Amino acid sequence: MAIQKTEAILLRKKDFRETSLILTFFTKGFGKINGIIKGARGSRPRSDANPIFFSLDQIVFYEKRTGGVSIISQCEAQEVFLNILKEWGRASSAYYMLELTDVFTEPEGKSEEVFENLYNSFKSLDSGKEAKSITRFFEIKLLMALGFWPGAGYFKLTKGAMSSVMHLEKESWKAASNMKLTKDVDSEIKGITAKIIEENLDRPLKTVRFLNNN
């Protein structure tokens, strides 16, 4: 087993036995990985085994050559996006992004675009950018990175929605995140992203009902 180090964002975690956790990360260098970290729970948890949501972590893990579950030896936060949890709209959007990334990616499918999309979305939400607009940007960027996005020209959109989508397709995250969508444009873009997502999933997303209430 090779020892690897990479930046990572926690997608999912589950208690395992008395002191361990089963974790799913999307990493910058290796895509999605599943692993077990020991000593993260209990009366005396390790200081270097502290996986939390909405943070940029650095993890060290023992990579399994044949796939499957890795052993994660260290997990330390490098950047924490605390402001996401201060507002329910931002928090529900962020949980939705984690679930969408998880269900749309396979273990060991490396994609720096997917990683950067998730990281930049959290940075934008943490800085106070409008949650609904950032969510639309995230959806389109994720679908583009994974090859599910047909391009703006495929859709029949109003002038405002078409202009917004074309801008997002071409611009960097920094430039695109400064856009603020009107209510009508947001609703129009949400309709097409939701349809593509629904067509490519075999089950409804758990976080969608919370997102729709904001």
Protein backbone atom coordinates (compact mmCIF):
# COMPACT_ATOMS: atom_id res chain seq x y z
CA MET A 1 0.00 0.00 0.00
CA ALA A 2 1.37 3.40 -1.04
CA ILE A 3 1.22 6.34 1.39
CA GLN A 4 -0.42 9.37 -0.22
CA LYS A 5 -1.08 12.98 0.84
CA THR A 6 -3.63 15.27 -0.78
CA GLU A 7 -6.13 18.07 -0.25
CA ALA A 8 -9.64 16.79 0.32
CA ILE A 9 -13.23 17.80 1.05
CA LEU A 10 -15.42 15.56 3.20
CA LEU A 11 -18.56 14.34 1.43
CA ARG A 12 -19.95 11.84 3.91
CA LYS A 13 -19.12 10.17 7.25
CA LYS A 14 -20.50 7.35 9.34
CA ASP A 15 -19.66 5.96 12.78
CA PHE A 16 -17.72 2.68 12.73
CA ARG A 17 -17.19 0.59 15.84
CA GLU A 18 -16.34 2.49 19.04
CA THR A 19 -13.73 5.03 17.99
CA SER A 20 -13.55 4.99 14.17
CA LEU A 21 -15.31 6.62 11.24
CA ILE A 22 -15.99 5.55 7.67
CA LEU A 23 -15.35 8.59 5.46
CA THR A 24 -15.89 9.57 1.86
CA PHE A 25 -13.74 12.41 0.52
CA PHE A 26 -13.39 14.06 -2.84
CA THR A 27 -9.69 14.73 -3.19
CA LYS A 28 -7.68 16.96 -5.46
CA GLY A 29 -5.16 14.32 -6.44
CA PHE A 30 -7.13 11.06 -6.44
CA GLY A 31 -10.81 11.84 -6.94
CA LYS A 32 -13.30 10.22 -4.60
CA ILE A 33 -11.95 7.84 -1.97
CA ASN A 34 -13.55 5.84 0.82
CA GLY A 35 -11.56 5.21 3.96
CA ILE A 36 -11.53 4.38 7.64
CA ILE A 37 -9.93 6.66 10.20
CA LYS A 38 -9.24 5.28 13.67
CA GLY A 39 -9.27 7.16 16.95
CA ALA A 40 -11.53 9.97 15.69
CA ARG A 41 -14.24 9.38 18.29
CA GLY A 42 -14.52 8.54 21.97
CA SER A 43 -13.35 10.21 25.16
CA ARG A 44 -9.87 11.01 23.81
CA PRO A 45 -10.07 11.60 20.03
CA ARG A 46 -6.83 12.22 18.17
CA SER A 47 -6.06 15.84 17.28
CA ASP A 48 -4.94 14.82 13.78
CA ALA A 49 -8.12 12.85 13.09
CA ASN A 50 -10.81 15.50 13.01
CA PRO A 51 -12.94 15.29 9.84
CA ILE A 52 -15.57 18.03 9.65
CA PHE A 53 -17.91 19.22 6.93
CA PHE A 54 -17.32 22.46 5.01
CA SER A 55 -13.56 22.56 5.31
CA LEU A 56 -10.53 22.07 3.11
CA ASP A 57 -8.56 19.23 4.67
CA GLN A 58 -5.19 17.65 4.17
CA ILE A 59 -5.33 13.90 4.50
CA VAL A 60 -2.71 11.17 4.57
CA PHE A 61 -3.91 7.73 3.56
CA TYR A 62 -2.71 4.29 2.60
CA GLU A 63 -3.88 3.75 -0.95
CA LYS A 64 -5.24 0.29 -1.77
CA ARG A 65 -3.93 -0.87 -5.13
CA THR A 66 -7.04 -2.86 -5.93
CA GLY A 67 -9.49 -0.16 -4.83
CA GLY A 68 -11.91 -0.51 -1.95
CA VAL A 69 -11.56 1.09 1.47
CA SER A 70 -8.32 2.90 2.31
CA ILE A 71 -6.82 3.54 5.74
CA ILE A 72 -6.74 7.26 6.52
CA SER A 73 -3.99 8.00 9.03
CA GLN A 74 -4.35 11.79 9.30
CA CYS A 75 -6.99 14.42 8.60
CA GLU A 76 -6.28 18.04 9.47
CA ALA A 77 -8.29 21.11 8.44
CA GLN A 78 -6.38 23.70 6.41
CA GLU A 79 -9.30 26.08 5.84
CA VAL A 80 -12.72 26.06 7.55
CA PHE A 81 -15.78 27.74 6.06
CA LEU A 82 -17.56 28.58 9.31
CA ASN A 83 -19.89 31.20 7.85
CA ILE A 84 -21.74 28.57 5.81
CA LEU A 85 -23.46 27.33 8.96
CA LYS A 86 -24.59 30.80 10.04
CA GLU A 87 -27.47 30.86 7.55
CA TRP A 88 -29.80 27.99 6.67
CA GLY A 89 -29.94 28.91 2.97
CA ARG A 90 -26.18 28.64 2.62
CA ALA A 91 -25.97 25.48 4.75
CA SER A 92 -28.70 23.66 2.79
CA SER A 93 -27.04 24.62 -0.50
CA ALA A 94 -23.68 23.33 0.74
CA TYR A 95 -25.13 19.99 1.90
CA TYR A 96 -26.82 19.67 -1.50
CA MET A 97 -23.46 20.24 -3.23
CA LEU A 98 -21.85 17.50 -1.15
CA GLU A 99 -24.60 15.01 -1.96
CA LEU A 100 -24.65 15.90 -5.66
CA THR A 101 -20.87 15.48 -5.93
CA ASP A 102 -21.07 12.17 -4.09
CA VAL A 103 -23.82 10.59 -6.22
CA PHE A 104 -22.41 11.84 -9.53
CA THR A 105 -18.84 10.58 -9.02
CA GLU A 106 -17.25 7.16 -8.75
CA PRO A 107 -14.34 6.15 -6.50
CA GLU A 108 -10.89 6.92 -7.92
CA GLY A 109 -12.31 9.01 -10.79
CA LYS A 110 -9.80 11.86 -10.61
CA SER A 111 -11.09 15.31 -11.61
CA GLU A 112 -9.46 18.51 -10.42
CA GLU A 113 -12.36 20.41 -12.05
CA VAL A 114 -14.87 18.71 -9.74
CA PHE A 115 -12.68 19.36 -6.71
CA GLU A 116 -12.11 23.03 -7.57
CA ASN A 117 -15.84 23.49 -8.26
CA LEU A 118 -16.73 22.26 -4.79
CA TYR A 119 -13.94 24.24 -3.12
CA ASN A 120 -14.80 27.49 -4.93
CA SER A 121 -18.50 27.06 -4.16
CA PHE A 122 -17.76 26.78 -0.45
CA LYS A 123 -15.48 29.82 -0.56
CA SER A 124 -18.23 31.81 -2.28
CA LEU A 125 -20.91 30.73 0.18
CA ASP A 126 -18.59 31.47 3.10
CA SER A 127 -17.92 34.99 1.80
CA GLY A 128 -21.63 35.79 1.74
CA LYS A 129 -22.43 35.38 -1.97
CA GLU A 130 -26.08 34.65 -2.74
CA ALA A 131 -26.75 30.95 -2.15
CA LYS A 132 -29.21 30.42 -5.02
CA SER A 133 -26.91 31.92 -7.65
CA ILE A 134 -23.89 30.00 -6.36
CA THR A 135 -25.94 26.78 -6.43
CA ARG A 136 -26.84 27.31 -10.11
CA PHE A 137 -23.19 27.99 -10.94
CA PHE A 138 -22.13 24.87 -9.05
CA GLU A 139 -24.64 22.67 -10.87
CA ILE A 140 -23.61 23.83 -14.33
CA LYS A 141 -19.88 23.62 -13.59
CA LEU A 142 -20.28 20.09 -12.18
CA LEU A 143 -22.35 18.92 -15.14
CA MET A 144 -19.77 20.44 -17.52
CA ALA A 145 -16.87 18.72 -15.73
CA LEU A 146 -18.59 15.33 -15.87
CA GLY A 147 -19.75 15.61 -19.50
CA PHE A 148 -23.49 15.88 -18.81
CA TRP A 149 -23.92 19.49 -19.94
CA PRO A 150 -25.02 19.89 -23.60
CA GLY A 151 -24.21 23.60 -23.84
CA ALA A 152 -26.34 26.72 -23.67
CA GLY A 153 -27.31 26.46 -27.35
CA TYR A 154 -29.20 23.24 -26.67
CA PHE A 155 -31.87 25.00 -24.60
CA LYS A 156 -34.65 27.41 -25.45
CA LEU A 157 -34.01 30.16 -22.93
CA THR A 158 -34.98 33.77 -22.51
CA LYS A 159 -32.35 36.34 -23.41
CA GLY A 160 -31.40 36.95 -19.78
CA ALA A 161 -31.03 33.25 -18.92
CA MET A 162 -29.10 32.50 -22.12
CA SER A 163 -26.69 35.35 -21.44
CA SER A 164 -26.13 34.16 -17.85
CA VAL A 165 -25.52 30.55 -18.87
CA MET A 166 -23.11 31.50 -21.66
CA HIS A 167 -21.22 33.77 -19.28
CA LEU A 168 -20.86 30.97 -16.77
CA GLU A 169 -19.68 28.48 -19.39
CA LYS A 170 -16.83 30.77 -20.47
CA GLU A 171 -15.78 32.59 -17.30
CA SER A 172 -13.65 31.47 -14.38
CA TRP A 173 -15.27 30.77 -11.02
CA LYS A 174 -13.99 34.07 -9.63
CA ALA A 175 -15.70 36.07 -12.37
CA ALA A 176 -18.86 33.96 -12.52
CA SER A 177 -19.44 34.03 -8.77
CA ASN A 178 -19.88 37.80 -8.86
CA MET A 179 -23.02 37.47 -10.96
CA LYS A 180 -26.35 37.74 -9.20
CA LEU A 181 -29.26 36.06 -10.94
CA THR A 182 -32.72 37.56 -10.88
CA LYS A 183 -35.52 35.43 -9.47
CA ASP A 184 -36.91 34.65 -12.94
CA VAL A 185 -33.52 33.78 -14.44
CA ASP A 186 -32.63 31.61 -11.44
CA SER A 187 -35.93 29.73 -11.78
CA GLU A 188 -35.39 29.19 -15.50
CA ILE A 189 -31.85 27.86 -15.11
CA LYS A 190 -32.89 25.73 -12.14
CA GLY A 191 -35.51 24.07 -14.34
CA ILE A 192 -32.96 22.85 -16.88
CA THR A 193 -30.28 21.79 -14.38
CA ALA A 194 -32.85 19.90 -12.30
CA LYS A 195 -34.07 18.03 -15.39
CA ILE A 196 -30.55 16.92 -16.38
CA ILE A 197 -29.77 15.86 -12.83
CA GLU A 198 -33.02 13.91 -12.51
CA GLU A 199 -32.47 12.14 -15.84
CA ASN A 200 -29.04 10.91 -14.74
CA LEU A 201 -29.90 9.71 -11.24
CA ASP A 202 -31.75 6.57 -10.17
CA ARG A 203 -33.10 8.07 -6.95
CA PRO A 204 -34.15 11.49 -5.65
CA LEU A 205 -31.59 13.53 -3.74
CA LYS A 206 -32.30 13.78 -0.01
CA THR A 207 -31.23 17.42 0.15
CA VAL A 208 -33.44 18.69 -2.67
CA ARG A 209 -36.55 19.08 -0.47
CA PHE A 210 -34.60 21.28 1.95
CA LEU A 211 -33.18 23.34 -0.90
CA ASN A 212 -36.62 23.87 -2.43
CA ASN A 213 -37.90 25.36 0.83
CA ASN A 214 -35.42 28.24 0.67
